[in-house]
Amino acid sequence: FTPDYEINENQPNGEYFEGYGDFGTESDPLYAKAISLISGSKV
């Protein structure tokens, strides 16, 4: 299944790995995107 919003957690900002944010925090780019879609605000 193709994502509606494509984000590669291993390389969210380009070529390099930047570590993982904690589950359920906005330091995790996938979770942060879901929160932004729910809230309607940019995260």
ModelCIF file with pLDDT and N, C-alpha, C, O atoms, coordinates in Angstrom:
data_MODEL
#
_entry.id   MODEL 
#
_entity.id                         1 
_entity.type                       polymer 
_entity.pdbx_number_of_molecules   1 
#
_entity_poly.entity_id                      1 
_entity_poly.type                           'polypeptide(L)' 
_entity_poly.nstd_linkage                   no 
_entity_poly.nstd_monomer                   no 
_entity_poly.pdbx_seq_one_letter_code       FTPDYEINENQPNGEYFEGYGDFGTESDPLYAKAISLISGSKV 
_entity_poly.pdbx_seq_one_letter_code_can   FTPDYEINENQPNGEYFEGYGDFGTESDPLYAKAISLISGSKV 
_entity_poly.pdbx_strand_id                 A 
#
loop_
_entity_poly_seq.entity_id 
_entity_poly_seq.num 
_entity_poly_seq.mon_id 
_entity_poly_seq.hetero 
1 1  PHE n 
1 2  THR n 
1 3  PRO n 
1 4  ASP n 
1 5  TYR n 
1 6  GLU n 
1 7  ILE n 
1 8  ASN n 
1 9  GLU n 
1 10 ASN n 
1 11 GLN n 
1 12 PRO n 
1 13 ASN n 
1 14 GLY n 
1 15 GLU n 
1 16 TYR n 
1 17 PHE n 
1 18 GLU n 
1 19 GLY n 
1 20 TYR n 
1 21 GLY n 
1 22 ASP n 
1 23 PHE n 
1 24 GLY n 
1 25 THR n 
1 26 GLU n 
1 27 SER n 
1 28 ASP n 
1 29 PRO n 
1 30 LEU n 
1 31 TYR n 
1 32 ALA n 
1 33 LYS n 
1 34 ALA n 
1 35 ILE n 
1 36 SER n 
1 37 LEU n 
1 38 ILE n 
1 39 SER n 
1 40 GLY n 
1 41 SER n 
1 42 LYS n 
1 43 VAL n 
#
_struct_asym.id          A 
_struct_asym.entity_id   1 
#
loop_
_ma_qa_metric.id 
_ma_qa_metric.mode 
_ma_qa_metric.name 
_ma_qa_metric.software_group_id 
_ma_qa_metric.type 
1 global pLDDT . pLDDT 
2 local  pLDDT . pLDDT 
#
_ma_qa_metric_global.metric_id      1 
_ma_qa_metric_global.metric_value   91.30 
_ma_qa_metric_global.model_id       1 
_ma_qa_metric_global.ordinal_id     1 
#
loop_
_ma_qa_metric_local.label_asym_id 
_ma_qa_metric_local.label_comp_id 
_ma_qa_metric_local.label_seq_id 
_ma_qa_metric_local.metric_id 
_ma_qa_metric_local.metric_value 
_ma_qa_metric_local.model_id 
_ma_qa_metric_local.ordinal_id 
A PHE 1  2 98.00 1 1  
A THR 2  2 98.00 1 2  
A PRO 3  2 98.00 1 3  
A ASP 4  2 98.00 1 4  
A TYR 5  2 97.00 1 5  
A GLU 6  2 96.00 1 6  
A ILE 7  2 95.00 1 7  
A ASN 8  2 94.00 1 8  
A GLU 9  2 93.00 1 9  
A ASN 10 2 91.00 1 10 
A GLN 11 2 85.00 1 11 
A PRO 12 2 77.00 1 12 
A ASN 13 2 75.00 1 13 
A GLY 14 2 74.00 1 14 
A GLU 15 2 78.00 1 15 
A TYR 16 2 86.00 1 16 
A PHE 17 2 88.00 1 17 
A GLU 18 2 87.00 1 18 
A GLY 19 2 91.00 1 19 
A TYR 20 2 93.00 1 20 
A GLY 21 2 93.00 1 21 
A ASP 22 2 96.00 1 22 
A PHE 23 2 97.00 1 23 
A GLY 24 2 97.00 1 24 
A THR 25 2 96.00 1 25 
A GLU 26 2 92.00 1 26 
A SER 27 2 94.00 1 27 
A ASP 28 2 96.00 1 28 
A PRO 29 2 95.00 1 29 
A LEU 30 2 96.00 1 30 
A TYR 31 2 97.00 1 31 
A ALA 32 2 96.00 1 32 
A LYS 33 2 96.00 1 33 
A ALA 34 2 98.00 1 34 
A ILE 35 2 97.00 1 35 
A SER 36 2 97.00 1 36 
A LEU 37 2 97.00 1 37 
A ILE 38 2 97.00 1 38 
A SER 39 2 93.00 1 39 
A GLY 40 2 91.00 1 40 
A SER 41 2 82.00 1 41 
A LYS 42 2 75.00 1 42 
A VAL 43 2 66.00 1 43 
#
loop_
_atom_site.group_PDB 
_atom_site.id 
_atom_site.type_symbol 
_atom_site.label_atom_id 
_atom_site.label_alt_id 
_atom_site.label_comp_id 
_atom_site.label_asym_id 
_atom_site.label_entity_id 
_atom_site.label_seq_id 
_atom_site.pdbx_PDB_ins_code 
_atom_site.Cartn_x 
_atom_site.Cartn_y 
_atom_site.Cartn_z 
_atom_site.occupancy 
_atom_site.B_iso_or_equiv 
_atom_site.pdbx_formal_charge 
_atom_site.auth_seq_id 
_atom_site.auth_comp_id 
_atom_site.auth_asym_id 
_atom_site.auth_atom_id 
_atom_site.pdbx_PDB_model_num 
ATOM 1   N N  . PHE A 1 1  ? 0.851  -1.187 0.000  1.00 98.00 ? 1  PHE A N  1 
ATOM 2   C CA . PHE A 1 1  ? 0.000  0.000  0.000  1.00 98.00 ? 1  PHE A CA 1 
ATOM 3   C C  . PHE A 1 1  ? 0.891  1.244  0.000  1.00 98.00 ? 1  PHE A C  1 
ATOM 4   O O  . PHE A 1 1  ? 1.805  1.366  0.816  1.00 98.00 ? 1  PHE A O  1 
ATOM 5   N N  . THR A 1 2  ? 0.616  2.155  -0.917 1.00 98.00 ? 2  THR A N  1 
ATOM 6   C CA . THR A 1 2  ? 1.394  3.390  -1.032 1.00 98.00 ? 2  THR A CA 1 
ATOM 7   C C  . THR A 1 2  ? 0.932  4.384  0.018  1.00 98.00 ? 2  THR A C  1 
ATOM 8   O O  . THR A 1 2  ? -0.273 4.575  0.181  1.00 98.00 ? 2  THR A O  1 
ATOM 9   N N  . PRO A 1 3  ? 1.847  5.023  0.738  1.00 98.00 ? 3  PRO A N  1 
ATOM 10  C CA . PRO A 1 3  ? 1.427  5.972  1.774  1.00 98.00 ? 3  PRO A CA 1 
ATOM 11  C C  . PRO A 1 3  ? 0.774  7.222  1.189  1.00 98.00 ? 3  PRO A C  1 
ATOM 12  O O  . PRO A 1 3  ? 1.118  7.663  0.092  1.00 98.00 ? 3  PRO A O  1 
ATOM 13  N N  . ASP A 1 4  ? -0.163 7.778  1.932  1.00 98.00 ? 4  ASP A N  1 
ATOM 14  C CA . ASP A 1 4  ? -0.751 9.071  1.568  1.00 98.00 ? 4  ASP A CA 1 
ATOM 15  C C  . ASP A 1 4  ? 0.250  10.192 1.811  1.00 98.00 ? 4  ASP A C  1 
ATOM 16  O O  . ASP A 1 4  ? 0.256  11.202 1.108  1.00 98.00 ? 4  ASP A O  1 
ATOM 17  N N  . TYR A 1 5  ? 1.095  9.997  2.817  1.00 97.00 ? 5  TYR A N  1 
ATOM 18  C CA . TYR A 1 5  ? 2.130  10.982 3.146  1.00 97.00 ? 5  TYR A CA 1 
ATOM 19  C C  . TYR A 1 5  ? 3.429  10.210 3.320  1.00 97.00 ? 5  TYR A C  1 
ATOM 20  O O  . TYR A 1 5  ? 3.600  9.484  4.300  1.00 97.00 ? 5  TYR A O  1 
ATOM 21  N N  . GLU A 1 6  ? 4.338  10.365 2.376  1.00 96.00 ? 6  GLU A N  1 
ATOM 22  C CA . GLU A 1 6  ? 5.567  9.590  2.387  1.00 96.00 ? 6  GLU A CA 1 
ATOM 23  C C  . GLU A 1 6  ? 6.632  10.254 3.243  1.00 96.00 ? 6  GLU A C  1 
ATOM 24  O O  . GLU A 1 6  ? 7.045  11.385 2.984  1.00 96.00 ? 6  GLU A O  1 
ATOM 25  N N  . ILE A 1 7  ? 7.064  9.539  4.257  1.00 95.00 ? 7  ILE A N  1 
ATOM 26  C CA . ILE A 1 7  ? 8.147  9.979  5.134  1.00 95.00 ? 7  ILE A CA 1 
ATOM 27  C C  . ILE A 1 7  ? 9.002  8.761  5.444  1.00 95.00 ? 7  ILE A C  1 
ATOM 28  O O  . ILE A 1 7  ? 8.497  7.765  5.962  1.00 95.00 ? 7  ILE A O  1 
ATOM 29  N N  . ASN A 1 8  ? 10.272 8.829  5.136  1.00 94.00 ? 8  ASN A N  1 
ATOM 30  C CA . ASN A 1 8  ? 11.206 7.754  5.468  1.00 94.00 ? 8  ASN A CA 1 
ATOM 31  C C  . ASN A 1 8  ? 11.827 8.083  6.817  1.00 94.00 ? 8  ASN A C  1 
ATOM 32  O O  . ASN A 1 8  ? 12.644 8.998  6.916  1.00 94.00 ? 8  ASN A O  1 
ATOM 33  N N  . GLU A 1 9  ? 11.447 7.349  7.854  1.00 93.00 ? 9  GLU A N  1 
ATOM 34  C CA . GLU A 1 9  ? 11.924 7.670  9.196  1.00 93.00 ? 9  GLU A CA 1 
ATOM 35  C C  . GLU A 1 9  ? 13.433 7.530  9.330  1.00 93.00 ? 9  GLU A C  1 
ATOM 36  O O  . GLU A 1 9  ? 14.041 8.134  10.214 1.00 93.00 ? 9  GLU A O  1 
ATOM 37  N N  . ASN A 1 10 ? 14.039 6.731  8.452  1.00 91.00 ? 10 ASN A N  1 
ATOM 38  C CA . ASN A 1 10 ? 15.480 6.542  8.520  1.00 91.00 ? 10 ASN A CA 1 
ATOM 39  C C  . ASN A 1 10 ? 16.259 7.688  7.877  1.00 91.00 ? 10 ASN A C  1 
ATOM 40  O O  . ASN A 1 10 ? 17.424 7.916  8.200  1.00 91.00 ? 10 ASN A O  1 
ATOM 41  N N  . GLN A 1 11 ? 15.609 8.399  6.970  1.00 85.00 ? 11 GLN A N  1 
ATOM 42  C CA . GLN A 1 11 ? 16.247 9.523  6.280  1.00 85.00 ? 11 GLN A CA 1 
ATOM 43  C C  . GLN A 1 11 ? 15.221 10.630 6.052  1.00 85.00 ? 11 GLN A C  1 
ATOM 44  O O  . GLN A 1 11 ? 14.962 10.992 4.905  1.00 85.00 ? 11 GLN A O  1 
ATOM 45  N N  . PRO A 1 12 ? 14.635 11.173 7.110  1.00 77.00 ? 12 PRO A N  1 
ATOM 46  C CA . PRO A 1 12 ? 13.515 12.110 6.943  1.00 77.00 ? 12 PRO A CA 1 
ATOM 47  C C  . PRO A 1 12 ? 13.903 13.443 6.323  1.00 77.00 ? 12 PRO A C  1 
ATOM 48  O O  . PRO A 1 12 ? 13.055 14.124 5.746  1.00 77.00 ? 12 PRO A O  1 
ATOM 49  N N  . ASN A 1 13 ? 15.154 13.821 6.430  1.00 75.00 ? 13 ASN A N  1 
ATOM 50  C CA . ASN A 1 13 ? 15.571 15.139 5.944  1.00 75.00 ? 13 ASN A CA 1 
ATOM 51  C C  . ASN A 1 13 ? 16.626 15.048 4.854  1.00 75.00 ? 13 ASN A C  1 
ATOM 52  O O  . ASN A 1 13 ? 17.344 16.014 4.599  1.00 75.00 ? 13 ASN A O  1 
ATOM 53  N N  . GLY A 1 14 ? 16.723 13.886 4.206  1.00 74.00 ? 14 GLY A N  1 
ATOM 54  C CA . GLY A 1 14 ? 17.718 13.772 3.159  1.00 74.00 ? 14 GLY A CA 1 
ATOM 55  C C  . GLY A 1 14 ? 18.434 12.449 3.186  1.00 74.00 ? 14 GLY A C  1 
ATOM 56  O O  . GLY A 1 14 ? 17.813 11.404 3.377  1.00 74.00 ? 14 GLY A O  1 
ATOM 57  N N  . GLU A 1 15 ? 19.737 12.484 2.995  1.00 78.00 ? 15 GLU A N  1 
ATOM 58  C CA . GLU A 1 15 ? 20.512 11.275 2.780  1.00 78.00 ? 15 GLU A CA 1 
ATOM 59  C C  . GLU A 1 15 ? 20.899 10.564 4.063  1.00 78.00 ? 15 GLU A C  1 
ATOM 60  O O  . GLU A 1 15 ? 21.080 9.346  4.051  1.00 78.00 ? 15 GLU A O  1 
ATOM 61  N N  . TYR A 1 16 ? 21.033 11.283 5.170  1.00 86.00 ? 16 TYR A N  1 
ATOM 62  C CA . TYR A 1 16 ? 21.680 10.714 6.348  1.00 86.00 ? 16 TYR A CA 1 
ATOM 63  C C  . TYR A 1 16 ? 20.697 10.332 7.446  1.00 86.00 ? 16 TYR A C  1 
ATOM 64  O O  . TYR A 1 16 ? 19.618 10.909 7.583  1.00 86.00 ? 16 TYR A O  1 
ATOM 65  N N  . PHE A 1 17 ? 21.112 9.340  8.220  1.00 88.00 ? 17 PHE A N  1 
ATOM 66  C CA . PHE A 1 17 ? 20.322 8.889  9.368  1.00 88.00 ? 17 PHE A CA 1 
ATOM 67  C C  . PHE A 1 17 ? 20.526 9.859  10.527 1.00 88.00 ? 17 PHE A C  1 
ATOM 68  O O  . PHE A 1 17 ? 21.650 10.266 10.821 1.00 88.00 ? 17 PHE A O  1 
ATOM 69  N N  . GLU A 1 18 ? 19.418 10.225 11.183 1.00 87.00 ? 18 GLU A N  1 
ATOM 70  C CA . GLU A 1 18 ? 19.490 11.221 12.246 1.00 87.00 ? 18 GLU A CA 1 
ATOM 71  C C  . GLU A 1 18 ? 19.019 10.689 13.597 1.00 87.00 ? 18 GLU A C  1 
ATOM 72  O O  . GLU A 1 18 ? 18.797 11.467 14.524 1.00 87.00 ? 18 GLU A O  1 
ATOM 73  N N  . GLY A 1 19 ? 18.869 9.390  13.713 1.00 91.00 ? 19 GLY A N  1 
ATOM 74  C CA . GLY A 1 19 ? 18.399 8.835  14.975 1.00 91.00 ? 19 GLY A CA 1 
ATOM 75  C C  . GLY A 1 19 ? 16.888 8.703  14.986 1.00 91.00 ? 19 GLY A C  1 
ATOM 76  O O  . GLY A 1 19 ? 16.209 9.140  14.057 1.00 91.00 ? 19 GLY A O  1 
ATOM 77  N N  . TYR A 1 20 ? 16.366 8.100  16.043 1.00 93.00 ? 20 TYR A N  1 
ATOM 78  C CA . TYR A 1 20 ? 14.924 7.922  16.202 1.00 93.00 ? 20 TYR A CA 1 
ATOM 79  C C  . TYR A 1 20 ? 14.407 8.738  17.368 1.00 93.00 ? 20 TYR A C  1 
ATOM 80  O O  . TYR A 1 20 ? 15.029 8.789  18.429 1.00 93.00 ? 20 TYR A O  1 
ATOM 81  N N  . GLY A 1 21 ? 13.258 9.382  17.166 1.00 93.00 ? 21 GLY A N  1 
ATOM 82  C CA . GLY A 1 21 ? 12.575 10.030 18.273 1.00 93.00 ? 21 GLY A CA 1 
ATOM 83  C C  . GLY A 1 21 ? 11.782 9.015  19.070 1.00 93.00 ? 21 GLY A C  1 
ATOM 84  O O  . GLY A 1 21 ? 11.479 7.932  18.571 1.00 93.00 ? 21 GLY A O  1 
ATOM 85  N N  . ASP A 1 22 ? 11.445 9.354  20.300 1.00 96.00 ? 22 ASP A N  1 
ATOM 86  C CA . ASP A 1 22 ? 10.666 8.449  21.146 1.00 96.00 ? 22 ASP A CA 1 
ATOM 87  C C  . ASP A 1 22 ? 9.269  8.249  20.571 1.00 96.00 ? 22 ASP A C  1 
ATOM 88  O O  . ASP A 1 22 ? 8.706  9.144  19.940 1.00 96.00 ? 22 ASP A O  1 
ATOM 89  N N  . PHE A 1 23 ? 8.725  7.065  20.801 1.00 97.00 ? 23 PHE A N  1 
ATOM 90  C CA . PHE A 1 23 ? 7.339  6.806  20.416 1.00 97.00 ? 23 PHE A CA 1 
ATOM 91  C C  . PHE A 1 23 ? 6.415  7.818  21.086 1.00 97.00 ? 23 PHE A C  1 
ATOM 92  O O  . PHE A 1 23 ? 6.579  8.152  22.260 1.00 97.00 ? 23 PHE A O  1 
ATOM 93  N N  . GLY A 1 24 ? 5.440  8.298  20.315 1.00 97.00 ? 24 GLY A N  1 
ATOM 94  C CA . GLY A 1 24 ? 4.419  9.166  20.881 1.00 97.00 ? 24 GLY A CA 1 
ATOM 95  C C  . GLY A 1 24 ? 4.883  10.569 21.200 1.00 97.00 ? 24 GLY A C  1 
ATOM 96  O O  . GLY A 1 24 ? 4.267  11.258 22.013 1.00 97.00 ? 24 GLY A O  1 
ATOM 97  N N  . THR A 1 25 ? 5.966  11.004 20.567 1.00 96.00 ? 25 THR A N  1 
ATOM 98  C CA . THR A 1 25 ? 6.444  12.378 20.735 1.00 96.00 ? 25 THR A CA 1 
ATOM 99  C C  . THR A 1 25 ? 6.635  12.991 19.352 1.00 96.00 ? 25 THR A C  1 
ATOM 100 O O  . THR A 1 25 ? 6.766  12.281 18.354 1.00 96.00 ? 25 THR A O  1 
ATOM 101 N N  . GLU A 1 26 ? 6.650  14.300 19.312 1.00 92.00 ? 26 GLU A N  1 
ATOM 102 C CA . GLU A 1 26 ? 6.775  14.973 18.027 1.00 92.00 ? 26 GLU A CA 1 
ATOM 103 C C  . GLU A 1 26 ? 8.210  14.997 17.516 1.00 92.00 ? 26 GLU A C  1 
ATOM 104 O O  . GLU A 1 26 ? 8.487  15.592 16.475 1.00 92.00 ? 26 GLU A O  1 
ATOM 105 N N  . SER A 1 27 ? 9.131  14.349 18.247 1.00 94.00 ? 27 SER A N  1 
ATOM 106 C CA . SER A 1 27 ? 10.469 14.134 17.710 1.00 94.00 ? 27 SER A CA 1 
ATOM 107 C C  . SER A 1 27 ? 10.490 12.952 16.743 1.00 94.00 ? 27 SER A C  1 
ATOM 108 O O  . SER A 1 27 ? 11.488 12.714 16.064 1.00 94.00 ? 27 SER A O  1 
ATOM 109 N N  . ASP A 1 28 ? 9.373  12.210 16.686 1.00 96.00 ? 28 ASP A N  1 
ATOM 110 C CA . ASP A 1 28 ? 9.188  11.128 15.721 1.00 96.00 ? 28 ASP A CA 1 
ATOM 111 C C  . ASP A 1 28 ? 8.427  11.709 14.528 1.00 96.00 ? 28 ASP A C  1 
ATOM 112 O O  . ASP A 1 28 ? 7.270  12.100 14.685 1.00 96.00 ? 28 ASP A O  1 
ATOM 113 N N  . PRO A 1 29 ? 9.038  11.778 13.343 1.00 95.00 ? 29 PRO A N  1 
ATOM 114 C CA . PRO A 1 29 ? 8.402  12.487 12.223 1.00 95.00 ? 29 PRO A CA 1 
ATOM 115 C C  . PRO A 1 29 ? 7.095  11.867 11.746 1.00 95.00 ? 29 PRO A C  1 
ATOM 116 O O  . PRO A 1 29 ? 6.222  12.591 11.268 1.00 95.00 ? 29 PRO A O  1 
ATOM 117 N N  . LEU A 1 30 ? 6.930  10.537 11.862 1.00 96.00 ? 30 LEU A N  1 
ATOM 118 C CA . LEU A 1 30 ? 5.680  9.927  11.420 1.00 96.00 ? 30 LEU A CA 1 
ATOM 119 C C  . LEU A 1 30 ? 4.549  10.264 12.378 1.00 96.00 ? 30 LEU A C  1 
ATOM 120 O O  . LEU A 1 30 ? 3.452  10.630 11.956 1.00 96.00 ? 30 LEU A O  1 
ATOM 121 N N  . TYR A 1 31 ? 4.823  10.138 13.666 1.00 97.00 ? 31 TYR A N  1 
ATOM 122 C CA . TYR A 1 31 ? 3.820  10.513 14.665 1.00 97.00 ? 31 TYR A CA 1 
ATOM 123 C C  . TYR A 1 31 ? 3.495  11.997 14.564 1.00 97.00 ? 31 TYR A C  1 
ATOM 124 O O  . TYR A 1 31 ? 2.331  12.389 14.648 1.00 97.00 ? 31 TYR A O  1 
ATOM 125 N N  . ALA A 1 32 ? 4.525  12.824 14.384 1.00 96.00 ? 32 ALA A N  1 
ATOM 126 C CA . ALA A 1 32 ? 4.319  14.272 14.286 1.00 96.00 ? 32 ALA A CA 1 
ATOM 127 C C  . ALA A 1 32 ? 3.424  14.618 13.105 1.00 96.00 ? 32 ALA A C  1 
ATOM 128 O O  . ALA A 1 32 ? 2.586  15.515 13.198 1.00 96.00 ? 32 ALA A O  1 
ATOM 129 N N  . LYS A 1 33 ? 3.600  13.905 11.993 1.00 96.00 ? 33 LYS A N  1 
ATOM 130 C CA . LYS A 1 33 ? 2.757  14.168 10.827 1.00 96.00 ? 33 LYS A CA 1 
ATOM 131 C C  . LYS A 1 33 ? 1.307  13.816 11.123 1.00 96.00 ? 33 LYS A C  1 
ATOM 132 O O  . LYS A 1 33 ? 0.401  14.556 10.741 1.00 96.00 ? 33 LYS A O  1 
ATOM 133 N N  . ALA A 1 34 ? 1.078  12.696 11.797 1.00 98.00 ? 34 ALA A N  1 
ATOM 134 C CA . ALA A 1 34 ? -0.293 12.325 12.155 1.00 98.00 ? 34 ALA A CA 1 
ATOM 135 C C  . ALA A 1 34 ? -0.922 13.377 13.051 1.00 98.00 ? 34 ALA A C  1 
ATOM 136 O O  . ALA A 1 34 ? -2.081 13.746 12.863 1.00 98.00 ? 34 ALA A O  1 
ATOM 137 N N  . ILE A 1 35 ? -0.162 13.860 14.025 1.00 97.00 ? 35 ILE A N  1 
ATOM 138 C CA . ILE A 1 35 ? -0.682 14.899 14.925 1.00 97.00 ? 35 ILE A CA 1 
ATOM 139 C C  . ILE A 1 35 ? -1.017 16.168 14.153 1.00 97.00 ? 35 ILE A C  1 
ATOM 140 O O  . ILE A 1 35 ? -2.022 16.822 14.431 1.00 97.00 ? 35 ILE A O  1 
ATOM 141 N N  . SER A 1 36 ? -0.173 16.516 13.183 1.00 97.00 ? 36 SER A N  1 
ATOM 142 C CA . SER A 1 36 ? -0.435 17.732 12.408 1.00 97.00 ? 36 SER A CA 1 
ATOM 143 C C  . SER A 1 36 ? -1.694 17.589 11.566 1.00 97.00 ? 36 SER A C  1 
ATOM 144 O O  . SER A 1 36 ? -2.442 18.552 11.401 1.00 97.00 ? 36 SER A O  1 
ATOM 145 N N  . LEU A 1 37 ? -1.934 16.394 11.031 1.00 97.00 ? 37 LEU A N  1 
ATOM 146 C CA . LEU A 1 37 ? -3.148 16.170 10.246 1.00 97.00 ? 37 LEU A CA 1 
ATOM 147 C C  . LEU A 1 37 ? -4.393 16.215 11.127 1.00 97.00 ? 37 LEU A C  1 
ATOM 148 O O  . LEU A 1 37 ? -5.438 16.718 10.714 1.00 97.00 ? 37 LEU A O  1 
ATOM 149 N N  . ILE A 1 38 ? -4.272 15.688 12.334 1.00 97.00 ? 38 ILE A N  1 
ATOM 150 C CA . ILE A 1 38 ? -5.407 15.701 13.256 1.00 97.00 ? 38 ILE A CA 1 
ATOM 151 C C  . ILE A 1 38 ? -5.708 17.109 13.746 1.00 97.00 ? 38 ILE A C  1 
ATOM 152 O O  . ILE A 1 38 ? -6.866 17.523 13.794 1.00 97.00 ? 38 ILE A O  1 
ATOM 153 N N  . SER A 1 39 ? -4.666 17.839 14.110 1.00 93.00 ? 39 SER A N  1 
ATOM 154 C CA . SER A 1 39 ? -4.843 19.167 14.702 1.00 93.00 ? 39 SER A CA 1 
ATOM 155 C C  . SER A 1 39 ? -5.045 20.259 13.665 1.00 93.00 ? 39 SER A C  1 
ATOM 156 O O  . SER A 1 39 ? -5.581 21.325 13.965 1.00 93.00 ? 39 SER A O  1 
ATOM 157 N N  . GLY A 1 40 ? -4.605 19.980 12.431 1.00 91.00 ? 40 GLY A N  1 
ATOM 158 C CA . GLY A 1 40 ? -4.702 21.003 11.394 1.00 91.00 ? 40 GLY A CA 1 
ATOM 159 C C  . GLY A 1 40 ? -3.620 22.049 11.470 1.00 91.00 ? 40 GLY A C  1 
ATOM 160 O O  . GLY A 1 40 ? -3.640 23.027 10.723 1.00 91.00 ? 40 GLY A O  1 
ATOM 161 N N  . SER A 1 41 ? -2.676 21.850 12.365 1.00 82.00 ? 41 SER A N  1 
ATOM 162 C CA . SER A 1 41 ? -1.583 22.815 12.523 1.00 82.00 ? 41 SER A CA 1 
ATOM 163 C C  . SER A 1 41 ? -0.279 22.183 12.084 1.00 82.00 ? 41 SER A C  1 
ATOM 164 O O  . SER A 1 41 ? -0.129 20.962 12.122 1.00 82.00 ? 41 SER A O  1 
ATOM 165 N N  . LYS A 1 42 ? 0.657  23.006 11.668 1.00 75.00 ? 42 LYS A N  1 
ATOM 166 C CA . LYS A 1 42 ? 1.950  22.516 11.214 1.00 75.00 ? 42 LYS A CA 1 
ATOM 167 C C  . LYS A 1 42 ? 2.808  22.147 12.413 1.00 75.00 ? 42 LYS A C  1 
ATOM 168 O O  . LYS A 1 42 ? 2.928  22.914 13.368 1.00 75.00 ? 42 LYS A O  1 
ATOM 169 N N  . VAL A 1 43 ? 3.398  20.972 12.351 1.00 66.00 ? 43 VAL A N  1 
ATOM 170 C CA . VAL A 1 43 ? 4.305  20.527 13.404 1.00 66.00 ? 43 VAL A CA 1 
ATOM 171 C C  . VAL A 1 43 ? 5.693  20.419 12.797 1.00 66.00 ? 43 VAL A C  1 
ATOM 172 O O  . VAL A 1 43 ? 6.644  20.059 13.490 1.00 66.00 ? 43 VAL A O  1 
#
